[in-house]
C-alpha atoms as a PDB file:
ATOM      1  CA  MET A   1      66.545 193.914  19.854  1.00  0.00           C
ATOM      2  CA  LEU A   2      69.592 195.443  18.322  1.00  0.00           C
ATOM      3  CA  PHE A   3      67.918 198.872  18.178  1.00  0.00           C
ATOM      4  CA  LYS A   4      67.225 198.686  21.783  1.00  0.00           C
ATOM      5  CA  LYS A   5      70.868 197.787  22.767  1.00  0.00           C
ATOM      6  CA  ILE A   6      72.342 200.619  20.633  1.00  0.00           C
ATOM      7  CA  LEU A   7      69.820 203.187  22.385  1.00  0.00           C
ATOM      8  CA  LEU A   8      70.857 201.730  25.684  1.00  0.00           C
ATOM      9  CA  GLU A   9      74.339 201.918  24.772  1.00  0.00           C
ATOM     10  CA  LYS A  10      73.922 205.508  23.895  1.00  0.00           C
ATOM     11  CA  ILE A  11      72.055 206.761  26.886  1.00  0.00           C
ATOM     12  CA  ASN A  12      75.030 205.049  29.041  1.00  0.00           C
ATOM     13  CA  TYR A  13      77.432 206.883  26.782  1.00  0.00           C
ATOM     14  CA  THR A  14      75.836 210.298  27.344  1.00  0.00           C
ATOM     15  CA  CYS A  15      75.680 209.945  31.074  1.00  0.00           C
ATOM     16  CA  TYR A  16      79.326 208.806  30.930  1.00  0.00           C
ATOM     17  CA  ILE A  17      80.206 212.016  29.291  1.00  0.00           C
ATOM     18  CA  LYS A  18      78.168 213.966  31.648  1.00  0.00           C
ATOM     19  CA  LYS A  19      79.745 212.478  34.605  1.00  0.00           C
ATOM     20  CA  LEU A  20      83.179 213.113  32.873  1.00  0.00           C
ATOM     21  CA  LEU A  21      82.631 216.748  32.091  1.00  0.00           C
ATOM     22  CA  SER A  22      81.249 217.694  35.616  1.00  0.00           C
ATOM     23  CA  TYR A  23      84.389 215.709  37.116  1.00  0.00           C
ATOM     24  CA  ILE A  24      86.607 217.642  34.932  1.00  0.00           C
ATOM     25  CA  LYS A  25      84.758 220.910  35.759  1.00  0.00           C
ATOM     26  CA  TYR A  26      85.512 219.974  39.403  1.00  0.00           C
ATOM     27  CA  ILE A  27      89.306 219.408  38.638  1.00  0.00           C
ATOM     28  CA  TYR A  28      89.496 222.559  36.746  1.00  0.00           C
ATOM     29  CA  LYS A  29      87.935 224.653  39.579  1.00  0.00           C
ATOM     30  CA  CYS A  30      90.038 223.100  42.154  1.00  0.00           C
ATOM     31  CA  ILE A  31      93.337 223.778  39.775  1.00  0.00           C
ATOM     32  CA  ILE A  32      92.130 227.404  39.428  1.00  0.00           C
ATOM     33  CA  ILE A  33      91.471 227.836  43.147  1.00  0.00           C
ATOM     34  CA  GLU A  34      95.260 226.589  43.779  1.00  0.00           C
ATOM     35  CA  ILE A  35      96.736 228.744  41.411  1.00  0.00           C
ATOM     36  CA  THR A  36      95.166 231.773  42.750  1.00  0.00           C
ATOM     37  CA  ASN A  37      95.990 231.046  46.222  1.00  0.00           C
ATOM     38  CA  LYS A  38      99.624 230.740  45.161  1.00  0.00           C
ATOM     39  CA  ILE A  39      99.597 233.766  43.343  1.00  0.00           C
ATOM     40  CA  LYS A  40      97.879 235.542  46.446  1.00  0.00           C
ATOM     41  CA  GLY A  41     100.538 233.893  48.714  1.00  0.00           C
ATOM     42  CA  GLU A  42     103.532 235.039  46.386  1.00  0.00           C
ATOM     43  CA  PHE A  43     102.016 238.515  46.185  1.00  0.00           C
ATOM     44  CA  LEU A  44     101.427 238.645  50.025  1.00  0.00           C
ATOM     45  CA  LYS A  45     104.946 237.261  50.774  1.00  0.00           C
ATOM     46  CA  ASN A  46     106.595 240.213  48.198  1.00  0.00           C
ATOM     47  CA  GLU A  47     104.309 242.741  49.969  1.00  0.00           C
ATOM     48  CA  GLY A  48     105.645 241.721  53.277  1.00  0.00           C
ATOM     49  CA  THR A  49     109.126 241.636  51.992  1.00  0.00           C
ATOM     50  CA  ASN A  50     108.716 245.299  50.429  1.00  0.00           C
ATOM     51  CA  THR A  51     107.267 246.873  53.685  1.00  0.00           C
ATOM     52  CA  LYS A  52     110.212 245.565  55.771  1.00  0.00           C
ATOM     53  CA  LYS A  53     112.824 247.187  53.764  1.00  0.00           C
END
């Protein structure tokens, strides 16, 4: 009975870790997209001001 309980806890733990990892990957991807958009935005702003001068 104890072994079965430990096994179930281990399965729940691995599921939890997998969910956590996929969640972290999702957040990481969103952050990278935000950063690249900001960089592109700044670059385009700079390009626009450079061509006006």
